């Protein structure tokens, strides 16, 4: 391969002071340089290009004929070769932009017989590397987001919807800790919040999961009958008693868990007997004299304020503290707005499967109405509303007309005639309903999703990375 070395009619051999290089060795060296993936440019002591390999053509787009013989400043913009010629000092790892490419160069002076005769720049195109690095950063952000979602409390477990709201996450973490011990658990929450479901979740995660979970509603059974239900009875203990007697729920739950629902409605006299059983781990059947040891974990629940009942002397204080070793409060749905879509989707899937209907979905208008409704009956009411809508809907899309009137009316009342802009829209005008920062952030994200066509555009407008935006959307159930 021939190397062009002309410049202004002068030969390179003349400029190199008559240095002679064997032709065969030179051709071999040029073949090696042309095979390199990195670009190579050599200049003489005055900065004129005497050689450029094929990789230089690929990176810069300039052919060898366009480069050789011209001054390096004309063909390699931002080159540091002239700096090396002036300082006679190598430059290593220099990053520069050459046209549309970013390159990293190592530039060294070349000496012959103690005299500097030029310089060589070996450079690598890192444009693709930088692009891959950006993709890697995005992948890392995605992994971080996935890791956060995996290490946080799940949105569902064993078919039970947990949710993504902060209140739901705190509730789940407490329940998970409760499952690792045998201490009594008191679950408080409004009707329909899923207290028994949570009790079953704790039991199913505990070491007692292979043993029975026995549930009893203390409000549904009169006090005298509830005692025999809990402790059992001997034959002849009362009129109509079964021949041979009957074991109580404590015995049936031996080795497992006894769930006492609506514990706040228990008769005061029976409260004392329950306390004695919890303290001693022993029970005695109604009408019997024999004491039996039982190994039972107690989970109780109430929709009342048990502490207030204690203050009113309607519930034993000593029993209250015996039951309330672990205290779990289930928030109502109105405090878990971010979890509503999860509950709606879960209820929809279950109802459609049970009724043999094809999968259905809510129209945007129906979903807005449901999101505005406070669901005073909580999850139980939500499931009822979804079933009504599925039954009434003509097709697989549930619209506003398929929803109960009180649900649709709630959206109208929530919207009202007020101005939806500024402080009023954020709810900052009424000190009685002054929102938390989390609520304001959620409202801004909801409005942003409606206002922008893409999440990328919303992220740019808010000054957030896409990974951070996705993390916030997931946190509020908006992803």
Protein backbone atom coordinates (compact mmCIF):
# COMPACT_ATOMS: atom_id res chain seq x y z
CA UNK A 1 0.00 0.00 0.00
CA UNK A 2 1.33 3.36 -1.03
CA UNK A 3 1.37 6.20 1.47
CA UNK A 4 0.97 9.69 0.08
CA UNK A 5 3.39 12.11 1.71
CA UNK A 6 3.23 15.19 -0.48
CA UNK A 7 2.91 18.75 0.85
CA UNK A 8 3.49 21.91 -1.20
CA UNK A 9 5.69 19.93 -3.58
CA UNK A 10 8.03 18.85 -0.80
CA UNK A 11 8.57 15.18 -0.05
CA UNK A 12 8.17 13.75 3.44
CA UNK A 13 11.57 12.11 3.01
CA UNK A 14 13.13 15.52 2.69
CA UNK A 15 11.33 16.82 5.82
CA UNK A 16 12.47 13.81 7.84
CA UNK A 17 16.06 14.72 7.25
CA UNK A 18 16.75 11.92 4.77
CA UNK A 19 15.79 9.09 7.07
CA UNK A 20 15.55 5.79 5.19
CA UNK A 21 13.09 3.05 6.07
CA UNK A 22 13.06 -0.31 4.42
CA UNK A 23 10.13 -0.43 1.98
CA UNK A 24 8.95 -3.92 2.91
CA UNK A 25 8.87 -3.14 6.61
CA UNK A 26 6.99 0.09 5.92
CA UNK A 27 4.35 -1.70 3.85
CA UNK A 28 3.91 -4.30 6.58
CA UNK A 29 3.57 -1.63 9.26
CA UNK A 30 0.95 0.20 7.20
CA UNK A 31 -1.08 -3.01 6.78
CA UNK A 32 -1.03 -3.49 10.55
CA UNK A 33 -2.15 0.08 11.19
CA UNK A 34 -4.93 -0.17 8.61
CA UNK A 35 -6.27 -3.30 10.32
CA UNK A 36 -6.72 -1.53 13.65
CA UNK A 37 -10.19 -0.61 14.92
CA UNK A 38 -8.76 2.57 16.45
CA UNK A 39 -8.03 5.59 14.30
CA UNK A 40 -4.39 6.54 13.70
CA UNK A 41 -3.14 9.88 12.38
CA UNK A 42 0.57 10.77 12.05
CA UNK A 43 1.90 14.27 11.43
CA UNK A 44 5.33 15.66 10.77
CA UNK A 45 7.07 18.17 13.02
CA UNK A 46 5.18 21.04 11.38
CA UNK A 47 1.75 19.49 11.83
CA UNK A 48 1.10 18.24 8.31
CA UNK A 49 -0.58 14.85 8.04
CA UNK A 50 1.70 12.18 6.60
CA UNK A 51 -0.50 9.16 7.36
CA UNK A 52 -4.09 8.30 8.29
CA UNK A 53 -5.41 4.75 8.54
CA UNK A 54 -8.75 3.39 7.33
CA UNK A 55 -10.34 3.62 10.79
CA UNK A 56 -9.82 7.38 10.62
CA UNK A 57 -11.90 7.41 7.45
CA UNK A 58 -14.66 5.42 9.17
CA UNK A 59 -14.72 7.72 12.20
CA UNK A 60 -14.28 11.14 10.55
CA UNK A 61 -15.76 10.44 7.12
CA UNK A 62 -12.64 11.87 5.44
CA UNK A 63 -10.72 9.70 2.99
CA UNK A 64 -6.96 9.33 3.12
CA UNK A 65 -6.58 11.56 0.03
CA UNK A 66 -8.62 14.28 1.76
CA UNK A 67 -6.37 14.21 4.82
CA UNK A 68 -2.79 13.43 3.88
CA UNK A 69 -0.73 16.47 2.94
CA UNK A 70 -3.02 18.92 4.69
CA UNK A 71 -2.38 20.64 7.99
CA UNK A 72 -3.96 18.80 10.91
CA UNK A 73 -5.86 21.91 12.04
CA UNK A 74 -7.77 21.82 8.72
CA UNK A 75 -8.87 18.20 8.87
CA UNK A 76 -8.99 17.28 12.58
CA UNK A 77 -10.85 20.02 14.47
CA UNK A 78 -10.19 20.29 18.20
CA UNK A 79 -7.07 18.17 17.79
CA UNK A 80 -4.47 18.29 20.55
CA UNK A 81 -1.68 17.10 18.23
CA UNK A 82 -0.33 20.62 17.88
CA UNK A 83 -0.21 20.89 21.70
CA UNK A 84 1.96 17.79 21.83
CA UNK A 85 4.25 19.14 19.10
CA UNK A 86 4.64 22.38 21.04
CA UNK A 87 5.15 20.83 24.49
CA UNK A 88 6.89 17.62 23.34
CA UNK A 89 4.89 15.93 26.10
CA UNK A 90 2.47 13.02 25.57
CA UNK A 91 -1.25 13.53 26.19
CA UNK A 92 -3.15 10.42 27.27
CA UNK A 93 -6.88 9.85 27.56
CA UNK A 94 -7.93 13.15 26.02
CA UNK A 95 -11.63 13.30 25.16
CA UNK A 96 -12.61 15.48 22.17
CA UNK A 97 -15.46 15.76 19.72
CA UNK A 98 -14.62 15.11 16.07
CA UNK A 99 -17.57 16.09 13.91
CA UNK A 100 -20.46 13.91 15.20
CA UNK A 101 -18.24 11.56 17.17
CA UNK A 102 -16.71 11.64 20.63
CA UNK A 103 -13.21 10.18 20.71
CA UNK A 104 -10.60 9.46 23.35
CA UNK A 105 -7.04 10.03 22.11
CA UNK A 106 -3.54 9.08 23.16
CA UNK A 107 -1.06 11.44 21.47
CA UNK A 108 2.72 11.02 21.70
CA UNK A 109 5.66 12.79 20.06
CA UNK A 110 7.86 10.71 17.71
CA UNK A 111 11.65 10.98 17.86
CA UNK A 112 14.34 9.87 15.39
CA UNK A 113 18.00 10.01 16.33
CA UNK A 114 17.16 12.28 19.27
CA UNK A 115 15.20 14.74 17.19
CA UNK A 116 11.42 15.11 17.26
CA UNK A 117 10.15 14.38 13.77
CA UNK A 118 6.39 14.44 14.40
CA UNK A 119 3.58 13.00 16.49
CA UNK A 120 1.08 10.15 16.34
CA UNK A 121 -2.50 10.23 17.60
CA UNK A 122 -4.28 6.95 18.30
CA UNK A 123 -7.95 7.54 19.07
CA UNK A 124 -11.02 5.45 19.79
CA UNK A 125 -14.60 6.33 18.94
CA UNK A 126 -16.57 6.15 22.21
CA UNK A 127 -19.85 7.51 20.84
CA UNK A 128 -21.40 4.04 20.95
CA UNK A 129 -19.86 3.43 24.37
CA UNK A 130 -21.47 6.60 25.71
CA UNK A 131 -24.81 5.58 24.22
CA UNK A 132 -24.50 2.17 25.84
CA UNK A 133 -23.54 3.87 29.10
CA UNK A 134 -26.71 5.95 28.98
CA UNK A 135 -28.74 2.83 28.28
CA UNK A 136 -27.01 1.15 31.20
CA UNK A 137 -27.88 4.07 33.47
CA UNK A 138 -31.51 3.81 32.41
CA UNK A 139 -31.41 0.07 33.01
CA UNK A 140 -29.94 0.65 36.46
CA UNK A 141 -32.71 3.13 37.24
CA UNK A 142 -35.26 0.57 36.12
CA UNK A 143 -33.61 -2.09 38.25
CA UNK A 144 -33.64 0.27 41.25
CA UNK A 145 -37.34 0.86 40.72
CA UNK A 146 -38.04 -2.86 40.42
CA UNK A 147 -35.91 -3.57 43.48
CA UNK A 148 -37.89 -1.00 45.48
CA UNK A 149 -41.12 -2.60 44.38
CA UNK A 150 -39.85 -6.08 45.21
CA UNK A 151 -38.48 -5.18 48.64
CA UNK A 152 -41.51 -3.10 49.58
CA UNK A 153 -44.69 -4.75 50.73
CA UNK A 154 -46.45 -6.55 47.84
CA UNK A 155 -49.71 -5.27 46.40
CA UNK A 156 -51.26 -8.71 46.87
CA UNK A 157 -50.52 -11.91 48.74
CA UNK A 158 -52.42 -15.21 48.82
CA UNK A 159 -55.17 -13.54 46.77
CA UNK A 160 -55.48 -10.73 49.34
CA UNK A 161 -55.07 -7.18 48.06
CA UNK A 162 -52.58 -5.33 50.26
CA UNK A 163 -52.18 -2.11 48.29
CA UNK A 164 -49.44 0.40 47.58
CA UNK A 165 -50.52 3.35 49.71
CA UNK A 166 -48.32 4.26 52.69
CA UNK A 167 -51.11 3.26 55.09
CA UNK A 168 -51.44 -0.14 53.44
CA UNK A 169 -47.69 -0.70 53.46
CA UNK A 170 -47.45 0.09 57.19
CA UNK A 171 -50.36 -2.23 57.86
CA UNK A 172 -48.76 -5.06 55.92
CA UNK A 173 -45.36 -4.68 57.59
CA UNK A 174 -47.01 -4.89 61.02
CA UNK A 175 -48.96 -7.98 59.95
CA UNK A 176 -45.80 -9.61 58.62
CA UNK A 177 -44.06 -9.08 61.95
CA UNK A 178 -47.12 -10.40 63.80
CA UNK A 179 -46.94 -13.63 61.81
CA UNK A 180 -43.47 -14.42 63.16
CA UNK A 181 -44.60 -14.63 66.80
CA UNK A 182 -47.46 -16.11 68.83
CA UNK A 183 -48.40 -12.89 70.63
CA UNK A 184 -52.09 -11.88 70.63
CA UNK A 185 -53.14 -9.48 67.87
CA UNK A 186 -55.91 -6.89 68.06
CA UNK A 187 -57.19 -5.72 64.67
CA UNK A 188 -59.25 -2.53 64.64
CA UNK A 189 -61.04 -1.10 61.65
CA UNK A 190 -64.38 -0.02 60.28
CA UNK A 191 -66.85 -2.59 59.00
CA UNK A 192 -65.85 -3.95 55.63
CA UNK A 193 -62.13 -3.17 55.87
CA UNK A 194 -61.15 -6.85 55.78
CA UNK A 195 -60.33 -7.66 59.40
CA UNK A 196 -60.99 -11.38 59.06
CA UNK A 197 -59.07 -11.47 55.78
CA UNK A 198 -56.08 -9.92 57.54
CA UNK A 199 -56.39 -12.41 60.40
CA UNK A 200 -56.26 -15.27 57.90
CA UNK A 201 -53.25 -13.71 56.21
CA UNK A 202 -51.38 -13.56 59.54
CA UNK A 203 -52.33 -17.15 60.34
CA UNK A 204 -51.32 -18.43 56.90
CA UNK A 205 -47.88 -16.83 57.22
CA UNK A 206 -47.33 -18.10 60.76
CA UNK A 207 -45.81 -21.32 62.06
CA UNK A 208 -49.39 -22.43 62.88
CA UNK A 209 -50.54 -22.38 59.25
CA UNK A 210 -50.83 -26.20 59.10
CA UNK A 211 -53.28 -26.08 62.03
CA UNK A 212 -56.85 -24.75 61.95
CA UNK A 213 -57.98 -21.14 62.09
CA UNK A 214 -61.32 -21.05 63.90
CA UNK A 215 -63.42 -17.87 63.65
CA UNK A 216 -66.37 -16.77 65.77
CA UNK A 217 -68.40 -13.55 65.71
CA UNK A 218 -68.88 -12.50 69.32
CA UNK A 219 -71.71 -10.11 68.41
CA UNK A 220 -73.76 -12.78 66.65
CA UNK A 221 -74.11 -15.15 69.62
CA UNK A 222 -75.74 -14.33 72.97
CA UNK A 223 -73.35 -14.32 75.93
CA UNK A 224 -74.57 -17.57 77.54
CA UNK A 225 -74.33 -19.48 74.28
CA UNK A 226 -71.00 -17.88 73.36
CA UNK A 227 -69.43 -19.28 76.53
CA UNK A 228 -70.39 -22.82 75.56
CA UNK A 229 -69.21 -22.14 71.99
CA UNK A 230 -65.80 -21.05 73.21
CA UNK A 231 -65.19 -23.52 76.02
CA UNK A 232 -67.55 -26.39 75.15
CA UNK A 233 -69.96 -28.09 77.50
CA UNK A 234 -70.49 -31.36 79.28
CA UNK A 235 -73.52 -33.58 78.87
CA UNK A 236 -76.43 -32.23 80.89
CA UNK A 237 -74.86 -28.80 81.35
CA UNK A 238 -78.12 -27.15 80.21
CA UNK A 239 -81.44 -28.04 78.68
CA UNK A 240 -81.00 -29.27 75.13
CA UNK A 241 -77.29 -30.02 75.52
CA UNK A 242 -75.93 -32.74 73.28
CA UNK A 243 -75.43 -36.22 74.68
CA UNK A 244 -71.77 -36.70 75.51
CA UNK A 245 -71.17 -32.96 75.52
CA UNK A 246 -69.37 -30.91 72.88
CA UNK A 247 -65.85 -29.52 72.53
CA UNK A 248 -65.48 -25.76 72.34
CA UNK A 249 -63.71 -23.61 69.80
CA UNK A 250 -60.62 -23.38 72.02
CA UNK A 251 -60.23 -27.15 71.75
CA UNK A 252 -60.95 -27.17 68.02
CA UNK A 253 -58.31 -24.48 67.51
CA UNK A 254 -55.71 -26.23 69.70
CA UNK A 255 -52.32 -25.78 68.02
CA UNK A 256 -53.80 -23.19 65.69
CA UNK A 257 -55.46 -19.77 65.84
CA UNK A 258 -58.76 -18.60 67.33
CA UNK A 259 -60.17 -15.47 65.69
CA UNK A 260 -62.57 -13.54 67.94
CA UNK A 261 -64.41 -11.11 65.69
CA UNK A 262 -66.33 -8.15 67.17
CA UNK A 263 -64.65 -8.72 70.54
CA UNK A 264 -66.00 -5.37 71.77
CA UNK A 265 -69.51 -6.85 71.98
CA UNK A 266 -68.52 -9.65 74.35
CA UNK A 267 -70.47 -9.87 77.61
CA UNK A 268 -68.47 -8.49 80.60
CA UNK A 269 -68.88 -11.74 82.54
CA UNK A 270 -67.50 -13.74 79.66
CA UNK A 271 -64.62 -11.28 79.32
CA UNK A 272 -63.38 -12.38 82.76
CA UNK A 273 -63.49 -16.06 81.78
CA UNK A 274 -61.68 -15.33 78.52
CA UNK A 275 -58.98 -13.43 80.42
CA UNK A 276 -58.49 -16.37 82.77
CA UNK A 277 -58.13 -18.75 79.83
CA UNK A 278 -55.57 -16.50 78.14
CA UNK A 279 -53.52 -16.11 81.32
CA UNK A 280 -53.46 -19.79 82.26
CA UNK A 281 -53.67 -21.48 78.87
CA UNK A 282 -56.38 -23.68 80.39
CA UNK A 283 -60.11 -24.03 79.79
CA UNK A 284 -62.98 -25.78 81.52
CA UNK A 285 -66.14 -26.82 79.74
CA UNK A 286 -69.48 -25.43 80.86
CA UNK A 287 -70.84 -27.81 83.48
CA UNK A 288 -67.50 -29.59 83.79
CA UNK A 289 -64.85 -29.86 86.47
CA UNK A 290 -61.84 -30.99 84.46
CA UNK A 291 -59.29 -28.40 83.34
CA UNK A 292 -57.73 -28.89 79.90
CA UNK A 293 -54.55 -27.30 78.57
CA UNK A 294 -54.82 -25.63 75.17
CA UNK A 295 -52.24 -24.04 72.91
CA UNK A 296 -54.10 -21.36 70.99
CA UNK A 297 -52.98 -18.12 69.37
CA UNK A 298 -55.61 -15.37 69.77
CA UNK A 299 -56.40 -12.82 67.08
CA UNK A 300 -59.29 -10.51 67.90
CA UNK A 301 -60.99 -7.77 65.92
CA UNK A 302 -63.46 -4.95 66.45
CA UNK A 303 -65.05 -2.09 64.55
CA UNK A 304 -65.34 -0.11 67.78
CA UNK A 305 -62.85 2.05 69.63
CA UNK A 306 -61.85 -0.49 72.26
CA UNK A 307 -59.79 2.04 74.22
CA UNK A 308 -62.89 4.23 74.53
CA UNK A 309 -64.90 1.22 75.73
CA UNK A 310 -62.26 0.67 78.42
CA UNK A 311 -62.59 4.29 79.54
CA UNK A 312 -66.35 3.86 79.69
CA UNK A 313 -65.93 0.69 81.81
CA UNK A 314 -67.64 -1.38 79.12
CA UNK A 315 -64.57 -3.48 78.40
CA UNK A 316 -62.08 -4.90 80.87
CA UNK A 317 -58.82 -2.98 80.89
CA UNK A 318 -56.75 -6.06 81.81
CA UNK A 319 -58.26 -8.06 78.95
CA UNK A 320 -57.71 -5.13 76.57
CA UNK A 321 -53.97 -5.09 77.23
CA UNK A 322 -53.83 -8.89 77.09
CA UNK A 323 -55.37 -8.84 73.61
CA UNK A 324 -53.54 -5.75 72.34
CA UNK A 325 -49.93 -6.98 72.39
CA UNK A 326 -49.78 -6.32 68.65
CA UNK A 327 -52.13 -3.59 67.46
CA UNK A 328 -53.13 -3.51 63.81
CA UNK A 329 -55.34 -0.72 62.44
CA UNK A 330 -56.93 -1.25 59.02
CA UNK A 331 -57.49 2.11 57.29
CA UNK A 332 -60.81 2.72 55.52
CA UNK A 333 -60.88 2.95 51.74
CA UNK A 334 -61.35 6.73 51.84
CA UNK A 335 -57.83 6.93 53.30
CA UNK A 336 -56.45 4.57 50.65
CA UNK A 337 -57.39 6.31 47.41
CA UNK A 338 -54.23 5.12 45.69
CA UNK A 339 -55.31 1.52 46.29
CA UNK A 340 -58.81 1.87 44.84
CA UNK A 341 -57.83 0.83 41.27
CA UNK A 342 -56.26 -2.34 42.68
CA UNK A 343 -59.38 -3.24 44.65
CA UNK A 344 -61.64 -2.43 41.71
CA UNK A 345 -59.62 -4.56 39.31
CA UNK A 346 -59.46 -7.44 41.79
CA UNK A 347 -63.20 -7.28 42.51
CA UNK A 348 -64.00 -7.04 38.80
CA UNK A 349 -61.95 -10.13 38.00
CA UNK A 350 -63.53 -12.16 40.83
CA UNK A 351 -67.09 -11.12 39.97
CA UNK A 352 -66.70 -11.84 36.26
CA UNK A 353 -65.22 -15.26 36.98
CA UNK A 354 -67.99 -16.12 39.46
CA UNK A 355 -70.77 -14.97 37.11
CA UNK A 356 -69.18 -16.59 34.07
CA UNK A 357 -68.88 -13.23 32.31
CA UNK A 358 -66.04 -12.20 30.00
CA UNK A 359 -63.52 -9.78 31.54
CA UNK A 360 -64.95 -6.27 31.81
CA UNK A 361 -63.45 -2.85 32.38
CA UNK A 362 -64.55 0.57 33.59
CA UNK A 363 -64.89 3.53 31.26
CA UNK A 364 -62.83 6.60 32.23
CA UNK A 365 -66.01 8.39 33.38
CA UNK A 366 -67.08 5.43 35.53
CA UNK A 367 -63.62 5.17 37.03
CA UNK A 368 -63.66 8.88 37.92
CA UNK A 369 -67.01 8.43 39.66
CA UNK A 370 -65.74 5.44 41.62
CA UNK A 371 -62.57 7.28 42.62
CA UNK A 372 -64.68 10.18 43.95
CA UNK A 373 -66.97 7.94 46.01
CA UNK A 374 -65.95 7.54 49.70
CA UNK A 375 -67.17 3.91 50.03
CA UNK A 376 -68.43 4.16 53.64
CA UNK A 377 -68.94 0.39 53.57
CA UNK A 378 -65.30 -0.05 52.51
CA UNK A 379 -64.21 -3.19 50.65
CA UNK A 380 -67.49 -4.99 51.25
CA UNK A 381 -69.42 -2.13 49.64
CA UNK A 382 -66.90 -1.87 46.81
CA UNK A 383 -67.41 -5.53 45.92
CA UNK A 384 -71.18 -5.00 46.02
CA UNK A 385 -70.96 -1.96 43.72
CA UNK A 386 -68.77 -3.81 41.24
CA UNK A 387 -71.14 -6.78 41.12
CA UNK A 388 -74.14 -4.49 40.55
CA UNK A 389 -72.31 -2.78 37.70
CA UNK A 390 -71.25 -6.04 36.05
CA UNK A 391 -74.82 -7.39 36.20
CA UNK A 392 -76.36 -4.20 34.76
CA UNK A 393 -73.76 -3.54 32.05
CA UNK A 394 -74.74 -4.46 28.49
CA UNK A 395 -71.23 -5.16 27.23
CA UNK A 396 -67.73 -5.50 28.56
CA UNK A 397 -67.38 -1.76 29.31
CA UNK A 398 -68.99 -0.48 32.50
CA UNK A 399 -70.12 3.13 32.13
CA UNK A 400 -71.47 5.69 34.59
CA UNK A 401 -75.04 4.62 33.88
CA UNK A 402 -74.27 1.13 35.17
CA UNK A 403 -73.21 2.43 38.59
CA UNK A 404 -75.54 2.90 41.59
CA UNK A 405 -77.01 6.44 41.81
CA UNK A 406 -75.29 7.23 45.13
CA UNK A 407 -71.89 6.55 43.54
CA UNK A 408 -72.59 8.87 40.60
CA UNK A 409 -74.02 11.51 42.94
CA UNK A 410 -70.84 11.48 45.00
CA UNK A 411 -68.77 12.56 41.99
CA UNK A 412 -71.11 15.47 41.29
CA UNK A 413 -70.99 16.58 44.91
CA UNK A 414 -67.21 16.25 45.00
CA UNK A 415 -66.78 18.40 41.89
CA UNK A 416 -69.29 21.08 42.92
CA UNK A 417 -69.34 24.57 41.47
CA UNK A 418 -66.00 25.56 42.97
CA UNK A 419 -63.09 26.74 40.89
CA UNK A 420 -60.75 23.81 40.19
CA UNK A 421 -57.68 25.95 39.74
CA UNK A 422 -55.07 27.37 42.08
CA UNK A 423 -55.23 26.83 45.81
CA UNK A 424 -58.85 25.69 45.63
CA UNK A 425 -57.95 22.84 43.32
CA UNK A 426 -55.23 21.69 45.70
CA UNK A 427 -57.57 21.99 48.65
CA UNK A 428 -55.56 24.71 50.37
CA UNK A 429 -58.44 27.09 51.02
CA UNK A 430 -60.09 25.09 53.78
CA UNK A 431 -57.93 24.60 56.90
CA UNK A 432 -60.23 21.80 57.97
CA UNK A 433 -59.25 19.70 54.96
CA UNK A 434 -55.71 20.97 54.49
CA UNK A 435 -53.90 18.21 52.55
CA UNK A 436 -50.61 16.56 53.36
CA UNK A 437 -47.61 17.01 51.08
CA UNK A 438 -48.15 13.46 49.83
CA UNK A 439 -51.74 14.30 48.88
CA UNK A 440 -50.65 17.46 47.05
CA UNK A 441 -47.96 15.50 45.19
CA UNK A 442 -50.48 12.84 44.21
CA UNK A 443 -52.93 15.47 42.91
CA UNK A 444 -50.19 17.14 40.86
CA UNK A 445 -49.23 13.78 39.34
CA UNK A 446 -52.87 12.98 38.53
CA UNK A 447 -53.32 16.36 36.86
CA UNK A 448 -50.04 15.93 34.98
CA UNK A 449 -51.10 12.56 33.59
CA UNK A 450 -54.24 14.19 32.22
CA UNK A 451 -52.40 17.22 30.83
CA UNK A 452 -49.44 15.59 29.06
CA UNK A 453 -49.46 13.06 26.26
CA UNK A 454 -46.57 11.01 27.61
CA UNK A 455 -44.86 10.27 30.90
CA UNK A 456 -41.54 11.39 29.37
CA UNK A 457 -43.04 14.83 28.67
CA UNK A 458 -44.48 14.99 32.19
CA UNK A 459 -41.09 14.06 33.68
CA UNK A 460 -39.38 16.86 31.73
CA UNK A 461 -42.00 19.38 32.83
CA UNK A 462 -41.62 18.41 36.50
CA UNK A 463 -37.83 18.34 36.29
CA UNK A 464 -37.68 14.64 37.22
CA UNK A 465 -35.89 11.70 35.70
CA UNK A 466 -38.20 9.12 34.17
CA UNK A 467 -37.16 6.57 36.78
CA UNK A 468 -38.05 8.99 39.61
CA UNK A 469 -41.41 9.78 37.99
CA UNK A 470 -42.23 6.08 37.58
CA UNK A 471 -41.27 5.49 41.21
CA UNK A 472 -43.62 8.25 42.39
CA UNK A 473 -46.45 7.06 40.13
CA UNK A 474 -46.08 3.53 41.49
CA UNK A 475 -46.08 4.85 45.05
CA UNK A 476 -49.50 6.47 44.54
CA UNK A 477 -50.93 3.68 42.41
CA UNK A 478 -50.89 5.82 39.25
CA UNK A 479 -48.45 3.78 37.14
